[in-house]
Amino acid sequence: MHDPELVFAELALKEGDCFLDMGCGPGDYAIRASEIVGDSGAVYALDRWPDVIEDLAAKAKSRGLRKLKAIVSDISDPLPIKDECVDVCFISTVLHSLSLVDVGGIIFSEIRRVLRHGGRLAIIECKKEEQNVGPPIDMRLSPEQLEDPIARCGFEKEGLVDLGYNYLIKFTKKIEIY
């Protein structure tokens, strides 16, 4: 549905980074991120479905990706990740299936907790326009629907990238000065 090389160019991952893939599904992004960050980095791949996580863990092991940790976790619960250790948090086509009114504050506050100062949040969602692919249009989230709840949790919008059927919206964790 979109060019993964464009996505990874926008994520700007580098060797040694820590990448968090929330709602990782089969783990294609987590595997690619693990190849980029290498053995000096780390990748956490979270999904609530145990069979998906088992398959991803087996895939990572077969490819020798020792720093990819596949974890069963519901992203609307507290994240099983320590404070301020993540450089890039990534969520691809997951948020439209949740009620941001109910769980958005929890999700984005937890992301803020685990991100390092200046850490980045990148979200891919389907455009809110009629297409033959993706979820029903009434479930889709426009970039504007994401901006306010994310900004309220201490993030600043960094950019918006057109991916064809989808878009990638990027945020940076604001550094608070007391």
C-alpha atoms as a PDB file:
ATOM      1  CA  MET A   1       0.000   0.000   0.000  1.00  0.00           C
ATOM      2  CA  HIS A   2       3.008   2.301   0.380  1.00  0.00           C
ATOM      3  CA  ASP A   3       6.750   2.397  -0.126  1.00  0.00           C
ATOM      4  CA  PRO A   4       8.535   1.034   2.988  1.00  0.00           C
ATOM      5  CA  GLU A   5      11.786   2.711   1.932  1.00  0.00           C
ATOM      6  CA  LEU A   6      10.037   6.105   2.018  1.00  0.00           C
ATOM      7  CA  VAL A   7       8.667   5.275   5.472  1.00  0.00           C
ATOM      8  CA  PHE A   8      12.103   4.310   6.800  1.00  0.00           C
ATOM      9  CA  ALA A   9      13.701   7.383   5.231  1.00  0.00           C
ATOM     10  CA  GLU A  10      11.189   9.483   7.181  1.00  0.00           C
ATOM     11  CA  LEU A  11      11.825   7.533  10.401  1.00  0.00           C
ATOM     12  CA  ALA A  12      15.549   8.318  10.063  1.00  0.00           C
ATOM     13  CA  LEU A  13      16.580   5.362  12.223  1.00  0.00           C
ATOM     14  CA  LYS A  14      20.261   4.814  12.768  1.00  0.00           C
ATOM     15  CA  GLU A  15      22.479   2.162  14.261  1.00  0.00           C
ATOM     16  CA  GLY A  16      22.130   2.057  18.037  1.00  0.00           C
ATOM     17  CA  ASP A  17      18.592   3.504  18.140  1.00  0.00           C
ATOM     18  CA  CYS A  18      15.747   1.978  20.125  1.00  0.00           C
ATOM     19  CA  PHE A  19      12.560   1.444  18.077  1.00  0.00           C
ATOM     20  CA  LEU A  20       9.109   0.620  19.468  1.00  0.00           C
ATOM     21  CA  ASP A  21       6.530  -0.860  17.079  1.00  0.00           C
ATOM     22  CA  MET A  22       3.100  -0.689  18.732  1.00  0.00           C
ATOM     23  CA  GLY A  23       0.545  -3.069  17.232  1.00  0.00           C
ATOM     24  CA  CYS A  24       3.273  -4.711  15.156  1.00  0.00           C
ATOM     25  CA  GLY A  25       1.162  -7.408  13.481  1.00  0.00           C
ATOM     26  CA  PRO A  26       3.422  -9.763  11.496  1.00  0.00           C
ATOM     27  CA  GLY A  27       6.401  -7.541  12.342  1.00  0.00           C
ATOM     28  CA  ASP A  28       7.686  -6.440   8.937  1.00  0.00           C
ATOM     29  CA  TYR A  29       8.533  -2.957  10.232  1.00  0.00           C
ATOM     30  CA  ALA A  30      10.115  -4.346  13.409  1.00  0.00           C
ATOM     31  CA  ILE A  31      12.311  -6.715  11.403  1.00  0.00           C
ATOM     32  CA  ARG A  32      13.460  -3.935   9.056  1.00  0.00           C
ATOM     33  CA  ALA A  33      14.102  -1.620  12.018  1.00  0.00           C
ATOM     34  CA  SER A  34      16.109  -4.348  13.742  1.00  0.00           C
ATOM     35  CA  GLU A  35      18.337  -4.667  10.673  1.00  0.00           C
ATOM     36  CA  ILE A  36      18.948  -0.895  10.732  1.00  0.00           C
ATOM     37  CA  VAL A  37      19.599  -0.414  14.475  1.00  0.00           C
ATOM     38  CA  GLY A  38      21.835  -3.485  14.621  1.00  0.00           C
ATOM     39  CA  ASP A  39      23.205  -5.201  17.679  1.00  0.00           C
ATOM     40  CA  SER A  40      23.927  -1.881  19.398  1.00  0.00           C
ATOM     41  CA  GLY A  41      20.244  -0.923  19.208  1.00  0.00           C
ATOM     42  CA  ALA A  42      16.983  -2.483  20.322  1.00  0.00           C
ATOM     43  CA  VAL A  43      13.541  -3.134  18.872  1.00  0.00           C
ATOM     44  CA  TYR A  44      10.400  -3.755  20.893  1.00  0.00           C
ATOM     45  CA  ALA A  45       7.473  -5.189  18.926  1.00  0.00           C
ATOM     46  CA  LEU A  46       4.144  -5.204  20.771  1.00  0.00           C
ATOM     47  CA  ASP A  47       0.898  -6.860  19.781  1.00  0.00           C
ATOM     48  CA  ARG A  48      -1.990  -8.197  21.802  1.00  0.00           C
ATOM     49  CA  TRP A  49      -2.243 -11.472  19.884  1.00  0.00           C
ATOM     50  CA  PRO A  50       0.039 -14.212  21.319  1.00  0.00           C
ATOM     51  CA  ASP A  51       0.173 -16.243  18.077  1.00  0.00           C
ATOM     52  CA  VAL A  52       1.344 -13.170  16.126  1.00  0.00           C
ATOM     53  CA  ILE A  53       4.066 -12.497  18.698  1.00  0.00           C
ATOM     54  CA  GLU A  54       5.170 -16.160  18.706  1.00  0.00           C
ATOM     55  CA  ASP A  55       5.474 -16.103  14.901  1.00  0.00           C
ATOM     56  CA  LEU A  56       7.461 -12.861  14.981  1.00  0.00           C
ATOM     57  CA  ALA A  57       9.793 -14.151  17.700  1.00  0.00           C
ATOM     58  CA  ALA A  58      10.461 -17.277  15.618  1.00  0.00           C
ATOM     59  CA  LYS A  59      11.094 -15.156  12.507  1.00  0.00           C
ATOM     60  CA  ALA A  60      13.512 -12.892  14.408  1.00  0.00           C
ATOM     61  CA  LYS A  61      15.368 -15.878  15.849  1.00  0.00           C
ATOM     62  CA  SER A  62      15.694 -17.537  12.432  1.00  0.00           C
ATOM     63  CA  ARG A  63      17.210 -14.316  11.051  1.00  0.00           C
ATOM     64  CA  GLY A  64      19.593 -13.887  13.970  1.00  0.00           C
ATOM     65  CA  LEU A  65      17.934 -10.660  15.147  1.00  0.00           C
ATOM     66  CA  ARG A  66      18.866 -10.958  18.833  1.00  0.00           C
ATOM     67  CA  LYS A  67      17.847  -7.398  19.751  1.00  0.00           C
ATOM     68  CA  LEU A  68      14.220  -7.755  18.570  1.00  0.00           C
ATOM     69  CA  LYS A  69      11.977  -8.368  21.578  1.00  0.00           C
ATOM     70  CA  ALA A  70       8.472  -9.527  20.601  1.00  0.00           C
ATOM     71  CA  ILE A  71       6.080  -8.924  23.505  1.00  0.00           C
ATOM     72  CA  VAL A  72       2.391  -9.692  24.015  1.00  0.00           C
ATOM     73  CA  SER A  73       0.901  -6.392  25.143  1.00  0.00           C
ATOM     74  CA  ASP A  74      -2.266  -4.364  24.656  1.00  0.00           C
ATOM     75  CA  ILE A  75      -1.129  -0.855  23.676  1.00  0.00           C
ATOM     76  CA  SER A  76      -4.021   0.700  25.585  1.00  0.00           C
ATOM     77  CA  ASP A  77      -2.524  -0.609  28.846  1.00  0.00           C
ATOM     78  CA  PRO A  78       0.692   0.586  30.526  1.00  0.00           C
ATOM     79  CA  LEU A  79       3.569  -0.343  28.238  1.00  0.00           C
ATOM     80  CA  PRO A  80       6.088  -2.991  29.393  1.00  0.00           C
ATOM     81  CA  ILE A  81       8.949  -0.642  28.458  1.00  0.00           C
ATOM     82  CA  LYS A  82      11.167   1.331  30.837  1.00  0.00           C
ATOM     83  CA  ASP A  83      11.066   5.139  31.009  1.00  0.00           C
ATOM     84  CA  GLU A  84      12.876   7.247  28.425  1.00  0.00           C
ATOM     85  CA  CYS A  85      14.591   4.475  26.484  1.00  0.00           C
ATOM     86  CA  VAL A  86      12.926   4.721  23.043  1.00  0.00           C
ATOM     87  CA  ASP A  87      14.150   6.924  20.184  1.00  0.00           C
ATOM     88  CA  VAL A  88      11.297   6.247  17.736  1.00  0.00           C
ATOM     89  CA  CYS A  89       7.792   4.985  18.495  1.00  0.00           C
ATOM     90  CA  PHE A  90       5.884   3.715  15.459  1.00  0.00           C
ATOM     91  CA  ILE A  91       2.193   2.888  15.077  1.00  0.00           C
ATOM     92  CA  SER A  92       0.977   1.699  11.676  1.00  0.00           C
ATOM     93  CA  THR A  93      -2.735   1.397  10.848  1.00  0.00           C
ATOM     94  CA  VAL A  94      -3.771   0.564  14.417  1.00  0.00           C
ATOM     95  CA  LEU A  95      -5.305   3.685  15.962  1.00  0.00           C
ATOM     96  CA  HIS A  96      -8.396   3.711  13.726  1.00  0.00           C
ATOM     97  CA  SER A  97      -9.497   0.476  15.428  1.00  0.00           C
ATOM     98  CA  LEU A  98      -9.439   2.081  18.899  1.00  0.00           C
ATOM     99  CA  SER A  99     -11.529   4.759  20.562  1.00  0.00           C
ATOM    100  CA  LEU A 100      -9.125   7.667  20.997  1.00  0.00           C
ATOM    101  CA  VAL A 101     -11.696   9.329  23.256  1.00  0.00           C
ATOM    102  CA  ASP A 102     -11.435   6.381  25.649  1.00  0.00           C
ATOM    103  CA  VAL A 103      -7.781   5.323  25.363  1.00  0.00           C
ATOM    104  CA  GLY A 104      -5.926   8.069  23.478  1.00  0.00           C
ATOM    105  CA  GLY A 105      -4.752   9.830  26.630  1.00  0.00           C
ATOM    106  CA  ILE A 106      -3.392   6.593  28.068  1.00  0.00           C
ATOM    107  CA  ILE A 107      -1.657   5.570  24.844  1.00  0.00           C
ATOM    108  CA  PHE A 108      -0.006   8.924  24.143  1.00  0.00           C
ATOM    109  CA  SER A 109       0.976   9.499  27.783  1.00  0.00           C
ATOM    110  CA  GLU A 110       2.644   6.093  27.842  1.00  0.00           C
ATOM    111  CA  ILE A 111       4.452   6.852  24.583  1.00  0.00           C
ATOM    112  CA  ARG A 112       5.666  10.113  26.100  1.00  0.00           C
ATOM    113  CA  ARG A 113       6.904   8.216  29.175  1.00  0.00           C
ATOM    114  CA  VAL A 114       8.975   5.711  27.173  1.00  0.00           C
ATOM    115  CA  LEU A 115      10.411   8.187  24.647  1.00  0.00           C
ATOM    116  CA  ARG A 116      13.757   9.836  25.308  1.00  0.00           C
ATOM    117  CA  HIS A 117      13.982  13.632  25.304  1.00  0.00           C
ATOM    118  CA  GLY A 118      13.484  14.683  21.704  1.00  0.00           C
ATOM    119  CA  GLY A 119      12.160  11.219  20.822  1.00  0.00           C
ATOM    120  CA  ARG A 120       9.851  10.862  17.848  1.00  0.00           C
ATOM    121  CA  LEU A 121       6.399   9.385  17.304  1.00  0.00           C
ATOM    122  CA  ALA A 122       5.416   8.303  13.778  1.00  0.00           C
ATOM    123  CA  ILE A 123       1.908   7.167  12.867  1.00  0.00           C
ATOM    124  CA  ILE A 124       0.600   5.714   9.618  1.00  0.00           C
ATOM    125  CA  GLU A 125      -3.139   5.749   8.999  1.00  0.00           C
ATOM    126  CA  CYS A 126      -5.431   5.435   5.976  1.00  0.00           C
ATOM    127  CA  LYS A 127      -6.547   8.708   4.436  1.00  0.00           C
ATOM    128  CA  LYS A 128     -10.094   9.719   5.289  1.00  0.00           C
ATOM    129  CA  GLU A 129     -11.309   9.543   1.709  1.00  0.00           C
ATOM    130  CA  GLU A 130     -13.153   6.959  -0.353  1.00  0.00           C
ATOM    131  CA  GLN A 131     -10.799   4.190  -1.523  1.00  0.00           C
ATOM    132  CA  ASN A 132     -11.095   0.525  -2.414  1.00  0.00           C
ATOM    133  CA  VAL A 133      -8.634  -0.460   0.337  1.00  0.00           C
ATOM    134  CA  GLY A 134      -8.497  -0.027   4.086  1.00  0.00           C
ATOM    135  CA  PRO A 135     -11.094   0.239   6.825  1.00  0.00           C
ATOM    136  CA  PRO A 136     -14.530   1.819   6.332  1.00  0.00           C
ATOM    137  CA  ILE A 137     -14.259   5.590   5.881  1.00  0.00           C
ATOM    138  CA  ASP A 138     -16.130   6.316   9.134  1.00  0.00           C
ATOM    139  CA  MET A 139     -13.418   4.448  11.101  1.00  0.00           C
ATOM    140  CA  ARG A 140     -10.500   6.315   9.535  1.00  0.00           C
ATOM    141  CA  LEU A 141      -8.670   9.100  11.316  1.00  0.00           C
ATOM    142  CA  SER A 142      -7.623  12.295   9.602  1.00  0.00           C
ATOM    143  CA  PRO A 143      -4.317  13.883  10.602  1.00  0.00           C
ATOM    144  CA  GLU A 144      -6.318  16.663  12.288  1.00  0.00           C
ATOM    145  CA  GLN A 145      -8.115  14.105  14.476  1.00  0.00           C
ATOM    146  CA  LEU A 146      -4.746  12.891  15.748  1.00  0.00           C
ATOM    147  CA  GLU A 147      -3.034  16.243  16.255  1.00  0.00           C
ATOM    148  CA  ASP A 148      -5.021  17.578  19.232  1.00  0.00           C
ATOM    149  CA  PRO A 149      -4.994  14.503  21.517  1.00  0.00           C
ATOM    150  CA  ILE A 150      -1.304  13.946  20.793  1.00  0.00           C
ATOM    151  CA  ALA A 151      -0.376  17.618  21.343  1.00  0.00           C
ATOM    152  CA  ARG A 152      -2.203  17.569  24.705  1.00  0.00           C
ATOM    153  CA  CYS A 153       0.139  14.787  25.820  1.00  0.00           C
ATOM    154  CA  GLY A 154       3.255  16.877  25.190  1.00  0.00           C
ATOM    155  CA  PHE A 155       4.097  16.408  21.526  1.00  0.00           C
ATOM    156  CA  GLU A 156       4.743  18.829  18.699  1.00  0.00           C
ATOM    157  CA  LYS A 157       3.823  18.019  15.096  1.00  0.00           C
ATOM    158  CA  GLU A 158       6.933  17.634  12.973  1.00  0.00           C
ATOM    159  CA  GLY A 159       5.476  16.832   9.565  1.00  0.00           C
ATOM    160  CA  LEU A 160       2.997  15.036   7.356  1.00  0.00           C
ATOM    161  CA  VAL A 161       3.971  12.770   4.453  1.00  0.00           C
ATOM    162  CA  ASP A 162       1.670  11.525   1.687  1.00  0.00           C
ATOM    163  CA  LEU A 163       2.064   7.762   1.198  1.00  0.00           C
ATOM    164  CA  GLY A 164      -0.622   7.288  -1.467  1.00  0.00           C
ATOM    165  CA  TYR A 165      -3.564   5.541   0.219  1.00  0.00           C
ATOM    166  CA  ASN A 166      -2.059   6.363   3.604  1.00  0.00           C
ATOM    167  CA  TYR A 167      -0.286   9.212   5.339  1.00  0.00           C
ATOM    168  CA  LEU A 168       2.558   9.343   7.850  1.00  0.00           C
ATOM    169  CA  ILE A 169       2.302  11.971  10.561  1.00  0.00           C
ATOM    170  CA  LYS A 170       5.327  12.672  12.745  1.00  0.00           C
ATOM    171  CA  PHE A 171       5.613  14.229  16.188  1.00  0.00           C
ATOM    172  CA  THR A 172       8.472  15.079  18.517  1.00  0.00           C
ATOM    173  CA  LYS A 173       8.350  14.810  22.281  1.00  0.00           C
ATOM    174  CA  LYS A 174       8.481  18.348  23.653  1.00  0.00           C
ATOM    175  CA  ILE A 175      11.153  18.998  26.212  1.00  0.00           C
ATOM    176  CA  GLU A 176       9.628  20.563  29.277  1.00  0.00           C
ATOM    177  CA  ILE A 177      11.508  23.343  31.035  1.00  0.00           C
ATOM    178  CA  TYR A 178      10.645  23.815  34.688  1.00  0.00           C
END
